[in-house]
N, C-alpha and C. Protein backbone atom coordinates (compact mmCIF):
# COMPACT_ATOMS: atom_id res chain seq x y z
N MET A 1 -1.77 0.67 -11.74
CA MET A 1 -2.68 1.02 -11.02
C MET A 1 -1.86 1.12 -9.60
N ASP A 2 -1.90 2.22 -8.94
CA ASP A 2 -1.53 2.11 -7.69
C ASP A 2 -1.84 2.00 -6.80
N ILE A 3 -2.02 1.61 -5.39
CA ILE A 3 -3.26 1.30 -4.17
C ILE A 3 -2.49 1.33 -3.24
N PHE A 4 -3.76 2.57 -2.42
CA PHE A 4 -3.25 2.60 -0.86
C PHE A 4 -3.34 1.29 0.33
N VAL A 5 -2.48 0.93 1.48
CA VAL A 5 -3.08 -0.56 1.99
C VAL A 5 -2.88 0.15 3.11
N GLY A 6 -3.53 0.50 4.05
CA GLY A 6 -3.18 1.30 5.65
C GLY A 6 -4.11 0.16 6.47
N ASN A 7 -3.66 0.25 7.52
CA ASN A 7 -3.90 -0.72 9.22
C ASN A 7 -3.33 -1.47 8.73
N LEU A 8 -2.25 -1.61 8.42
CA LEU A 8 -0.99 -3.22 8.67
C LEU A 8 -0.59 -3.19 9.95
N PRO A 9 -0.46 -4.50 10.61
CA PRO A 9 0.78 -4.53 11.08
C PRO A 9 2.00 -4.22 11.28
N PHE A 10 2.45 -3.69 12.30
CA PHE A 10 3.82 -2.67 12.39
C PHE A 10 4.84 -4.19 11.89
N THR A 11 4.33 -5.49 12.16
CA THR A 11 5.54 -6.47 11.84
C THR A 11 5.31 -6.58 10.38
N THR A 12 4.37 -6.37 9.40
CA THR A 12 4.21 -6.63 7.93
C THR A 12 5.54 -6.58 7.31
N THR A 13 5.36 -7.35 6.72
CA THR A 13 6.97 -6.73 5.74
C THR A 13 6.82 -6.62 4.43
N ARG A 14 7.24 -6.20 3.56
CA ARG A 14 7.06 -6.18 2.04
C ARG A 14 6.69 -7.36 1.32
N GLU A 15 7.32 -8.75 1.61
CA GLU A 15 7.30 -9.97 1.24
C GLU A 15 5.75 -10.19 1.74
N ASP A 16 5.12 -9.89 2.90
CA ASP A 16 3.65 -10.26 3.29
C ASP A 16 2.52 -9.25 2.38
N VAL A 17 3.20 -8.11 2.41
CA VAL A 17 2.20 -7.38 1.45
C VAL A 17 1.85 -7.78 -0.20
N GLY A 18 3.44 -8.23 -0.97
CA GLY A 18 2.95 -8.50 -2.33
C GLY A 18 2.47 -9.79 -1.82
N ASP A 19 2.34 -10.45 -1.34
CA ASP A 19 1.41 -12.30 -1.51
C ASP A 19 0.18 -11.42 -1.08
N LEU A 20 -0.24 -11.09 -0.65
CA LEU A 20 -1.28 -10.90 -0.64
C LEU A 20 -2.24 -10.35 -1.49
N PHE A 21 -1.15 -9.29 -2.21
CA PHE A 21 -1.85 -9.26 -3.63
C PHE A 21 -1.42 -9.87 -5.01
N ARG A 22 -0.73 -10.66 -4.91
CA ARG A 22 -0.36 -11.58 -5.90
C ARG A 22 -1.41 -12.36 -6.09
N ALA A 23 -2.56 -12.97 -5.06
CA ALA A 23 -3.47 -13.83 -5.07
C ALA A 23 -3.96 -13.30 -6.64
N HIS A 24 -4.44 -11.81 -6.49
CA HIS A 24 -5.06 -11.54 -7.27
C HIS A 24 -5.00 -10.65 -8.16
N GLY A 25 -3.49 -11.21 -8.81
CA GLY A 25 -2.98 -10.64 -9.75
C GLY A 25 -1.22 -10.04 -10.05
N HIS A 26 -1.28 -9.69 -11.26
CA HIS A 26 0.75 -9.59 -11.09
C HIS A 26 0.72 -8.14 -10.36
N VAL A 27 1.90 -8.00 -9.13
CA VAL A 27 2.20 -7.17 -9.03
C VAL A 27 3.69 -6.77 -9.17
N SER A 28 3.91 -5.28 -9.63
CA SER A 28 4.98 -4.88 -10.19
C SER A 28 6.12 -4.31 -8.97
N ASP A 29 5.51 -3.17 -8.17
CA ASP A 29 5.95 -2.86 -6.56
C ASP A 29 5.55 -2.65 -5.18
N VAL A 30 6.30 -3.17 -4.40
CA VAL A 30 5.41 -2.62 -3.47
C VAL A 30 6.83 -2.06 -2.49
N ARG A 31 5.57 -0.95 -2.40
CA ARG A 31 6.42 0.01 -1.23
C ARG A 31 6.01 0.01 0.22
N LEU A 32 6.88 -0.39 1.30
CA LEU A 32 6.42 -0.36 2.86
C LEU A 32 7.16 0.82 3.45
N VAL A 33 6.11 1.92 3.71
CA VAL A 33 6.77 2.95 4.18
C VAL A 33 7.14 3.06 6.19
N ALA A 34 8.20 3.21 6.25
CA ALA A 34 8.78 3.32 7.01
C ALA A 34 9.25 4.78 7.98
N ASP A 35 9.48 4.94 9.50
CA ASP A 35 9.68 6.15 9.93
C ASP A 35 11.25 6.31 9.21
N ARG A 36 11.60 7.37 8.90
CA ARG A 36 12.87 8.19 8.58
C ARG A 36 13.87 7.39 9.75
N ASP A 37 13.13 8.02 10.73
CA ASP A 37 14.49 8.03 11.48
C ASP A 37 15.09 6.73 12.55
N THR A 38 13.39 5.94 12.59
CA THR A 38 13.84 4.40 13.50
C THR A 38 13.46 3.09 12.41
N GLY A 39 12.99 3.32 11.15
CA GLY A 39 13.19 2.69 10.07
C GLY A 39 11.97 2.05 10.60
N ARG A 40 11.58 2.07 11.61
CA ARG A 40 10.04 0.90 11.86
C ARG A 40 9.17 1.34 10.63
N SER A 41 7.84 0.37 10.30
CA SER A 41 7.18 0.50 9.54
C SER A 41 5.90 1.69 9.86
N ARG A 42 5.64 2.35 9.35
CA ARG A 42 4.42 3.26 9.62
C ARG A 42 3.11 2.66 9.10
N GLY A 43 2.93 1.24 9.31
CA GLY A 43 1.49 0.43 8.73
C GLY A 43 0.43 0.73 7.78
N PHE A 44 1.53 1.37 6.72
CA PHE A 44 1.18 1.44 5.32
C PHE A 44 2.13 1.42 4.37
N ALA A 45 1.18 0.71 3.17
CA ALA A 45 2.04 0.89 2.36
C ALA A 45 1.56 1.19 0.37
N PHE A 46 2.21 0.98 -0.25
CA PHE A 46 1.50 1.24 -1.96
C PHE A 46 2.10 -0.10 -2.58
N VAL A 47 1.02 -0.39 -3.67
CA VAL A 47 0.68 -1.70 -4.26
C VAL A 47 1.17 -1.31 -5.67
N THR A 48 1.69 -1.45 -6.90
CA THR A 48 1.33 -1.21 -7.88
C THR A 48 1.09 -2.62 -8.58
N MET A 49 0.00 -2.13 -9.13
CA MET A 49 -0.96 -3.81 -10.05
C MET A 49 -0.88 -2.91 -11.61
N PRO A 50 -0.12 -3.36 -12.93
CA PRO A 50 0.02 -2.95 -13.65
C PRO A 50 -1.24 -3.29 -14.43
N ASP A 51 -2.41 -4.21 -14.34
CA ASP A 51 -3.47 -4.18 -15.26
C ASP A 51 -5.11 -3.66 -13.90
N PRO A 52 -4.96 -2.46 -14.15
CA PRO A 52 -6.08 -2.09 -13.63
C PRO A 52 -7.30 -3.06 -13.12
N ALA A 53 -8.08 -3.95 -14.17
CA ALA A 53 -8.63 -5.10 -13.59
C ALA A 53 -8.17 -5.86 -12.57
N ASP A 54 -6.91 -6.32 -12.01
CA ASP A 54 -6.47 -7.01 -11.20
C ASP A 54 -6.42 -6.09 -9.93
N GLY A 55 -5.96 -5.08 -10.21
CA GLY A 55 -5.83 -3.97 -9.02
C GLY A 55 -7.54 -3.41 -8.43
N HIS A 56 -8.12 -3.78 -8.95
CA HIS A 56 -9.67 -3.39 -8.62
C HIS A 56 -10.62 -4.48 -8.21
N ARG A 57 -9.71 -5.48 -8.44
CA ARG A 57 -10.17 -6.85 -7.93
C ARG A 57 -9.76 -7.65 -6.29
N ALA A 58 -8.72 -6.84 -6.63
CA ALA A 58 -7.66 -6.89 -5.24
C ALA A 58 -8.50 -5.96 -4.19
N ILE A 59 -8.38 -4.85 -4.64
CA ILE A 59 -9.20 -3.55 -3.60
C ILE A 59 -10.62 -4.17 -3.20
N GLU A 60 -11.37 -5.20 -4.15
CA GLU A 60 -12.51 -5.70 -4.04
C GLU A 60 -12.33 -6.93 -2.58
N ALA A 61 -11.17 -7.67 -2.91
CA ALA A 61 -11.34 -8.60 -2.14
C ALA A 61 -10.90 -8.46 -1.01
N LEU A 62 -9.42 -7.45 -0.87
CA LEU A 62 -8.90 -7.07 0.28
C LEU A 62 -9.19 -5.83 1.60
N ASN A 63 -10.00 -4.88 0.84
CA ASN A 63 -10.45 -3.93 1.96
C ASN A 63 -11.55 -5.03 3.02
N GLY A 64 -11.13 -4.33 3.90
CA GLY A 64 -11.65 -4.70 5.47
C GLY A 64 -11.23 -5.74 5.50
N SER A 65 -10.30 -6.55 5.13
CA SER A 65 -9.61 -8.37 5.54
C SER A 65 -9.14 -7.93 6.61
N LEU A 66 -9.00 -8.75 7.28
CA LEU A 66 -8.21 -8.96 8.74
C LEU A 66 -6.68 -9.29 8.37
N VAL A 67 -5.73 -8.71 8.87
CA VAL A 67 -4.11 -9.25 8.81
C VAL A 67 -4.03 -9.18 9.96
N GLY A 68 -3.30 -10.26 10.78
CA GLY A 68 -2.86 -9.60 12.03
C GLY A 68 -3.45 -9.24 13.02
N GLY A 69 -4.87 -9.45 12.84
CA GLY A 69 -5.83 -8.69 13.69
C GLY A 69 -6.54 -7.47 13.25
N ARG A 70 -6.03 -6.76 12.19
CA ARG A 70 -6.14 -5.80 11.92
C ARG A 70 -6.97 -5.67 10.43
N ALA A 71 -8.07 -4.62 10.82
CA ALA A 71 -8.81 -4.51 9.09
C ALA A 71 -7.60 -3.72 8.10
N LEU A 72 -7.95 -4.01 7.10
CA LEU A 72 -7.09 -3.27 5.96
C LEU A 72 -7.52 -2.46 5.42
N ARG A 73 -7.60 -1.22 5.27
CA ARG A 73 -8.08 -0.41 4.35
C ARG A 73 -7.04 -0.11 3.24
N VAL A 74 -7.80 -0.69 1.78
CA VAL A 74 -7.47 -1.01 0.44
C VAL A 74 -7.96 0.00 -0.11
N ASN A 75 -7.75 1.26 -0.94
CA ASN A 75 -8.13 1.89 -2.07
C ASN A 75 -7.27 2.24 -3.01
N ALA A 76 -7.60 2.71 -4.21
CA ALA A 76 -6.61 3.77 -5.06
C ALA A 76 -6.21 4.31 -4.51
N ALA A 77 -4.75 4.74 -4.53
CA ALA A 77 -4.26 5.74 -4.12
C ALA A 77 -4.17 7.10 -4.47
N GLU A 78 -4.21 7.98 -4.01
CA GLU A 78 -4.39 9.32 -4.85
C GLU A 78 -3.32 10.27 -4.71
N ASP A 79 -2.83 11.07 -5.61
CA ASP A 79 -1.62 12.15 -5.42
C ASP A 79 -2.45 12.88 -4.00
N ARG A 80 -1.04 13.05 -3.34
CA ARG A 80 -1.11 14.40 -2.19
C ARG A 80 -0.89 15.15 -3.20
N PRO A 81 -1.07 16.54 -2.09
CA PRO A 81 -0.92 17.81 -2.61
C PRO A 81 0.64 18.11 -2.22
N GLN A 82 1.35 18.91 -3.09
CA GLN A 82 3.00 19.54 -2.07
C GLN A 82 2.47 20.12 -0.93
N ARG A 83 3.23 20.12 -0.62
CA ARG A 83 3.62 20.97 0.81
C ARG A 83 3.93 21.83 1.04
N ARG A 84 3.45 23.00 1.92
CA ARG A 84 3.96 24.47 1.48
C ARG A 84 5.21 24.83 1.96
N GLY A 85 5.80 25.71 0.80
CA GLY A 85 7.48 25.87 1.08
C GLY A 85 8.05 24.37 0.28
N SER A 86 7.65 24.05 -0.24
CA SER A 86 8.27 22.48 -0.76
C SER A 86 8.72 22.93 -2.36
N ASP A 87 9.30 22.76 -2.72
CA ASP A 87 9.66 22.66 -4.31
C ASP A 87 9.49 21.18 -5.18
N ARG A 88 9.80 20.39 -3.78
CA ARG A 88 10.05 19.05 -4.54
C ARG A 88 8.48 18.20 -4.62
N PRO A 89 8.93 17.67 -5.83
CA PRO A 89 7.54 17.05 -6.12
C PRO A 89 7.26 15.67 -4.85
N ARG A 90 5.84 15.76 -4.94
CA ARG A 90 5.36 14.33 -4.40
C ARG A 90 5.06 13.23 -4.61
N ARG A 91 5.79 12.11 -3.84
CA ARG A 91 5.48 11.23 -4.37
C ARG A 91 4.73 10.42 -3.15
N PHE A 92 3.59 9.20 -3.63
CA PHE A 92 3.15 8.49 -2.82
C PHE A 92 3.61 7.57 -2.11
């Protein structure tokens, strides 16, 4: 199950996000999204949890929780539609 994690503090690391979710089950991947030009975090990430039950538990537990003074937005990731004029498949 792929999970979107938004409103992360810009200082949050990939390890920080993984630790949050590992408390709720097995995490197979964490992708912290960074700005292409600056390399700075964009404040959101995607977490993959192979067991959907673990993923749903993590969403319930972490959505709205405070990290670094910010309330996280945590929900099941949705595929983004392709951009107009792009023939590349979109990844989330």
